[in-house]
Protein backbone atom coordinates (compact mmCIF):
# COMPACT_ATOMS: atom_id res chain seq x y z
CA MET A 1 -41.13 74.83 128.59
CA PRO A 2 -42.91 76.84 131.30
CA GLY A 3 -46.24 75.51 132.39
CA CYS A 4 -48.39 74.34 135.23
CA GLU A 5 -50.41 71.30 136.27
CA VAL A 6 -53.52 71.57 138.44
CA THR A 7 -55.17 68.52 140.01
CA PHE A 8 -58.65 69.08 141.43
CA VAL A 9 -59.14 67.27 144.74
CA ARG A 10 -62.42 68.72 146.02
CA THR A 11 -64.02 72.12 146.70
CA CYS A 12 -61.01 74.51 146.61
CA THR A 13 -58.44 71.84 147.42
CA THR A 14 -56.03 71.47 144.52
CA ILE A 15 -52.51 70.18 143.93
CA ILE A 16 -50.57 72.63 141.77
CA ARG A 17 -47.20 71.96 140.18
CA ILE A 18 -45.62 75.23 139.12
CA GLY A 19 -42.03 76.36 138.76
CA GLY A 20 -40.77 72.98 139.95
CA ARG A 21 -42.70 73.32 143.22
CA VAL A 22 -45.83 71.70 144.65
CA VAL A 23 -48.54 73.92 146.11
CA VAL A 24 -51.63 72.55 147.89
CA THR A 25 -54.51 75.01 148.19
CA ASP A 26 -57.21 75.17 150.88
CA PRO A 27 -56.76 71.62 152.23
CA TRP A 28 -59.99 69.90 153.28
CA PHE A 29 -60.16 66.10 153.36
CA SER A 30 -62.73 65.48 156.10
CA MET A 31 -66.15 63.95 155.44
CA ARG A 32 -67.76 66.64 157.58
CA MET A 33 -68.27 70.34 156.90
CA ARG A 34 -68.97 71.77 160.32
CA PHE A 35 -72.20 69.99 161.37
CA LEU A 36 -73.06 68.83 157.82
CA PRO A 37 -72.05 65.58 156.11
CA ALA A 38 -69.91 65.83 152.98
CA LEU A 39 -71.63 64.25 149.99
CA VAL A 40 -68.44 63.48 148.04
CA GLY A 41 -64.96 62.50 149.14
CA PRO A 42 -61.64 63.93 147.99
CA GLY A 43 -60.54 62.83 144.53
CA VAL A 44 -57.00 62.24 145.82
CA PRO A 45 -56.60 60.58 149.25
CA LEU A 46 -54.61 62.61 151.74
CA GLU A 47 -51.89 59.96 151.94
CA ARG A 48 -51.28 60.21 148.19
CA VAL A 49 -50.75 63.97 148.12
CA PRO A 50 -47.07 64.82 147.59
CA VAL A 51 -45.36 66.82 150.32
CA PRO A 52 -45.83 70.43 149.21
CA GLU A 53 -43.39 73.30 149.35
CA ILE A 54 -46.36 75.59 150.09
CA VAL A 55 -49.79 75.04 151.64
CA LEU A 56 -51.79 78.06 150.47
CA CYS A 57 -54.87 78.96 152.54
CA SER A 58 -57.38 81.56 151.42
CA HIS A 59 -59.18 81.72 154.77
CA LEU A 60 -59.98 79.69 157.86
CA HIS A 61 -63.45 78.29 157.15
CA ALA A 62 -63.85 74.56 157.77
CA ASP A 63 -64.16 73.58 154.09
CA HIS A 64 -60.90 75.40 153.25
CA PHE A 65 -58.72 74.97 156.30
CA GLU A 66 -58.35 71.62 158.08
CA PRO A 67 -55.56 71.77 160.67
CA ALA A 68 -55.27 67.98 161.01
CA ALA A 69 -54.80 67.63 157.25
CA ILE A 70 -52.25 70.46 157.16
CA ARG A 71 -50.27 68.74 159.92
CA ARG A 72 -50.17 65.52 157.89
CA LEU A 73 -49.30 67.31 154.65
CA ALA A 74 -46.51 69.49 155.97
CA GLY A 75 -42.91 68.35 155.71
CA PRO A 76 -39.98 69.98 157.53
CA GLU A 77 -39.55 72.57 154.76
CA THR A 78 -43.24 73.18 153.99
CA VAL A 79 -44.40 76.79 154.36
CA VAL A 80 -48.04 77.35 155.32
CA VAL A 81 -49.29 80.64 153.89
CA GLY A 82 -52.56 82.15 155.06
CA PRO A 83 -54.33 85.26 156.33
CA PRO A 84 -53.88 86.72 159.82
CA GLY A 85 -54.95 84.15 162.41
CA THR A 86 -53.37 81.19 160.63
CA ALA A 87 -50.59 80.74 163.19
CA VAL A 88 -53.01 80.73 166.12
CA ALA A 89 -55.25 78.21 164.33
CA LEU A 90 -52.26 75.87 163.88
CA GLN A 91 -50.80 76.40 167.32
CA GLY A 92 -49.54 73.24 169.01
CA LEU A 93 -49.39 71.16 165.82
CA GLY A 94 -45.62 71.38 165.41
CA ILE A 95 -45.75 73.40 162.19
CA GLU A 96 -42.89 75.87 162.32
CA ARG A 97 -42.97 77.61 158.93
CA ILE A 98 -46.09 79.79 158.83
CA VAL A 99 -46.37 83.06 156.89
CA GLU A 100 -49.39 85.28 157.50
CA MET A 101 -50.06 87.66 154.63
CA GLU A 102 -52.07 90.85 154.33
CA PRO A 103 -52.77 92.31 150.88
CA GLY A 104 -49.67 94.04 149.64
CA GLY A 105 -46.44 93.53 147.76
CA PRO A 106 -44.89 90.28 146.57
CA ALA A 107 -43.04 87.80 148.75
CA GLU A 108 -40.62 85.12 147.62
CA ILE A 109 -41.67 81.88 149.31
CA ALA A 110 -40.11 78.48 148.60
CA GLY A 111 -38.90 79.64 145.18
CA LEU A 112 -42.23 81.12 144.06
CA THR A 113 -43.56 84.66 144.01
CA VAL A 114 -46.74 84.99 146.08
CA ILE A 115 -48.85 88.15 146.06
CA PRO A 116 -51.94 88.33 148.28
CA CYS A 117 -55.02 90.43 147.57
CA ARG A 118 -58.30 90.84 149.40
CA VAL A 119 -61.34 89.17 147.83
CA PRO A 120 -64.90 89.66 149.13
CA HIS A 121 -66.54 86.68 150.79
CA THR A 122 -68.64 86.36 153.91
CA PHE A 123 -69.56 88.60 156.76
CA PRO A 124 -68.44 89.83 159.23
CA PRO A 125 -64.93 90.92 158.14
CA PRO A 126 -62.10 90.24 157.68
CA GLU A 127 -62.47 89.04 154.14
CA GLU A 128 -60.34 86.28 152.61
CA ASN A 129 -57.14 86.30 150.60
CA GLY A 130 -56.80 85.56 146.92
CA TYR A 131 -53.29 84.97 145.62
CA VAL A 132 -51.25 85.57 142.52
CA VAL A 133 -48.63 82.81 142.32
CA ALA A 134 -45.80 82.95 139.78
CA GLY A 135 -42.94 80.63 138.99
CA GLY A 136 -41.14 79.12 136.02
CA GLY A 137 -42.53 81.75 133.65
CA PHE A 138 -46.16 80.95 134.55
CA THR A 139 -48.66 82.96 136.60
CA LEU A 140 -51.91 81.77 138.18
CA PHE A 141 -54.58 83.37 140.31
CA PHE A 142 -56.22 81.40 143.11
CA GLY A 143 -59.43 82.98 144.32
CA GLY A 144 -60.57 80.65 147.10
CA ASP A 145 -64.35 80.93 147.33
CA GLY A 146 -64.56 84.68 146.91
CA ALA A 147 -67.52 86.63 145.63
CA TYR A 148 -67.33 88.81 142.53
CA GLY A 149 -65.94 92.33 142.83
CA ALA A 150 -63.65 94.97 141.39
CA VAL A 151 -60.52 93.27 142.73
CA TYR A 152 -60.25 90.91 139.74
CA ALA A 153 -59.96 93.73 137.23
CA GLU A 154 -57.45 95.45 139.51
CA VAL A 155 -55.31 92.30 139.64
CA GLY A 156 -55.64 91.88 135.87
CA GLN A 157 -54.30 95.39 135.31
CA ARG A 158 -51.18 94.64 137.38
CA HIS A 159 -50.37 91.06 136.41
CA GLU A 160 -50.41 88.84 133.34
CA VAL A 161 -52.47 85.88 134.55
CA ASP A 162 -52.26 82.63 132.58
CA VAL A 163 -54.91 80.66 134.46
CA ALA A 164 -57.56 81.60 137.01
CA LEU A 165 -58.77 79.16 139.66
CA LEU A 166 -62.16 80.53 140.68
CA PRO A 167 -65.27 79.26 142.50
CA VAL A 168 -68.60 78.68 140.78
CA GLY A 169 -70.90 77.46 143.58
CA GLY A 170 -72.83 80.73 143.81
CA SER A 171 -73.47 80.15 147.52
CA LEU A 172 -76.45 81.97 148.99
CA VAL A 173 -76.50 82.39 152.76
CA PHE A 174 -79.87 83.71 153.91
CA GLY A 175 -80.27 85.04 150.37
CA ARG A 176 -76.94 86.90 150.31
CA ARG A 177 -74.47 85.71 147.67
CA THR A 178 -71.16 85.00 149.36
CA VAL A 179 -69.46 83.04 146.54
CA MET A 180 -69.48 83.92 142.84
CA GLY A 181 -71.56 81.81 140.49
CA PRO A 182 -70.56 80.41 137.08
CA ALA A 183 -71.32 83.56 135.05
CA GLN A 184 -69.49 85.74 137.55
CA ALA A 185 -66.50 83.36 137.52
CA VAL A 186 -66.29 83.67 133.74
CA GLN A 187 -66.46 87.46 134.03
CA ALA A 188 -63.81 87.46 136.77
CA ALA A 189 -61.53 85.39 134.51
CA VAL A 190 -62.08 87.95 131.74
CA ASP A 191 -61.34 90.76 134.20
CA LEU A 192 -58.12 89.00 135.18
CA GLY A 193 -57.12 88.65 131.52
CA ALA A 194 -56.69 84.91 132.06
CA LYS A 195 -56.25 82.58 129.10
CA ALA A 196 -57.82 79.66 130.97
CA LEU A 197 -60.27 79.09 133.81
CA ILE A 198 -60.41 76.14 136.19
CA PRO A 199 -63.75 76.20 138.05
CA LEU A 200 -63.59 75.26 141.73
CA HIS A 201 -65.96 75.08 144.70
CA PRO A 202 -69.01 73.67 142.90
CA GLY A 203 -72.24 73.09 144.73
CA GLY A 204 -73.36 69.60 145.67
CA GLU A 205 -70.32 68.72 147.78
CA TRP A 206 -72.09 68.91 151.13
CA LEU A 207 -75.69 68.96 152.25
CA PRO A 208 -77.38 72.33 151.61
CA VAL A 209 -79.77 73.67 154.22
CA PRO A 210 -82.22 76.03 152.48
CA PRO A 211 -82.90 78.84 153.27
CA LEU A 212 -79.76 78.95 155.43
CA SER A 213 -77.49 77.92 152.57
CA TRP A 214 -77.80 76.94 148.93
CA HIS A 215 -75.05 76.24 146.38
CA PRO A 216 -76.55 75.98 142.87
CA GLY A 217 -73.52 76.47 140.59
CA ARG A 218 -71.64 73.62 138.89
CA CYS A 219 -68.32 73.61 137.02
CA ARG A 220 -69.97 72.69 133.70
CA HIS A 221 -72.13 75.82 133.95
CA ALA A 222 -68.99 77.97 133.62
CA GLU A 223 -67.97 76.14 130.48
CA ALA A 224 -71.44 76.65 129.02
CA GLU A 225 -71.35 80.36 129.89
CA ALA A 226 -67.99 80.91 128.19
CA ARG A 227 -69.29 79.11 125.09
CA ARG A 228 -72.52 81.12 125.13
CA ARG A 229 -70.53 84.37 125.19
CA GLY A 230 -68.19 83.21 122.43
CA LEU A 231 -65.13 83.90 124.55
CA ASP A 232 -61.59 82.87 123.74
CA LEU A 233 -61.30 81.37 127.22
CA ARG A 234 -60.41 77.73 127.78
CA VAL A 235 -62.49 76.30 130.63
CA HIS A 236 -61.08 73.11 132.15
CA VAL A 237 -63.91 71.21 133.84
CA LEU A 238 -62.12 68.71 136.06
CA GLN A 239 -63.59 65.70 137.76
CA ARG A 240 -62.37 65.04 141.27
CA GLY A 241 -58.85 63.66 140.86
CA GLY A 242 -58.54 65.05 137.33
CA THR A 243 -55.58 67.11 136.14
CA ALA A 244 -55.29 70.01 133.70
CA VAL A 245 -51.92 70.41 132.00
CA LEU A 246 -51.44 74.06 131.08
CA PRO A 247 -48.67 74.89 128.60
């Protein structure tokens, strides 16, 4: 029976089992986020993460892209997928299979179909990648820590999305929202036509520095918003290390 399993590690780091393959998204296992201390550790230790067929990177910010962790994760056949600049960022680490993707048509990678799209995030450009990933009769959308925008409805018009993995932290950087909040994540899941939502990138995972940065959204807020709106949308609120089994 087609399906998918998603294990929430921390922030936007997940372990996805889809189409008989393992995909690790936005690997970050350090206890530092740039100059700030992390307040919570990963729910799955790095040494317990299975060797993935694909490491899927939305962008190259420190809480989504940790070269040392990618080097430890990658096996001989692992393909690292990311935006332009990924290969340079991993230069000298002995990782041979790197695919840089611009928004466009589908690519077959390690037995899965991967389709990149551009999602709004921080400034200055370039923006980050979101990805449609399909395999084994199941389709998911991974949105990194993107902000809300028209792209989600555009993706929903082109693809039948079973589950959306979307951020809820609502990050404000000098008052500008760079990451969608819980209500926007629910709306983005509706725009995508997703049957289920797995909230990612909650606030409270590293020290905020108001007014420079603030991250008020929590995963449970998305569940409450979907319930308030009476939506037929299953929201899986996962603790760190928890797994959602999606039939």
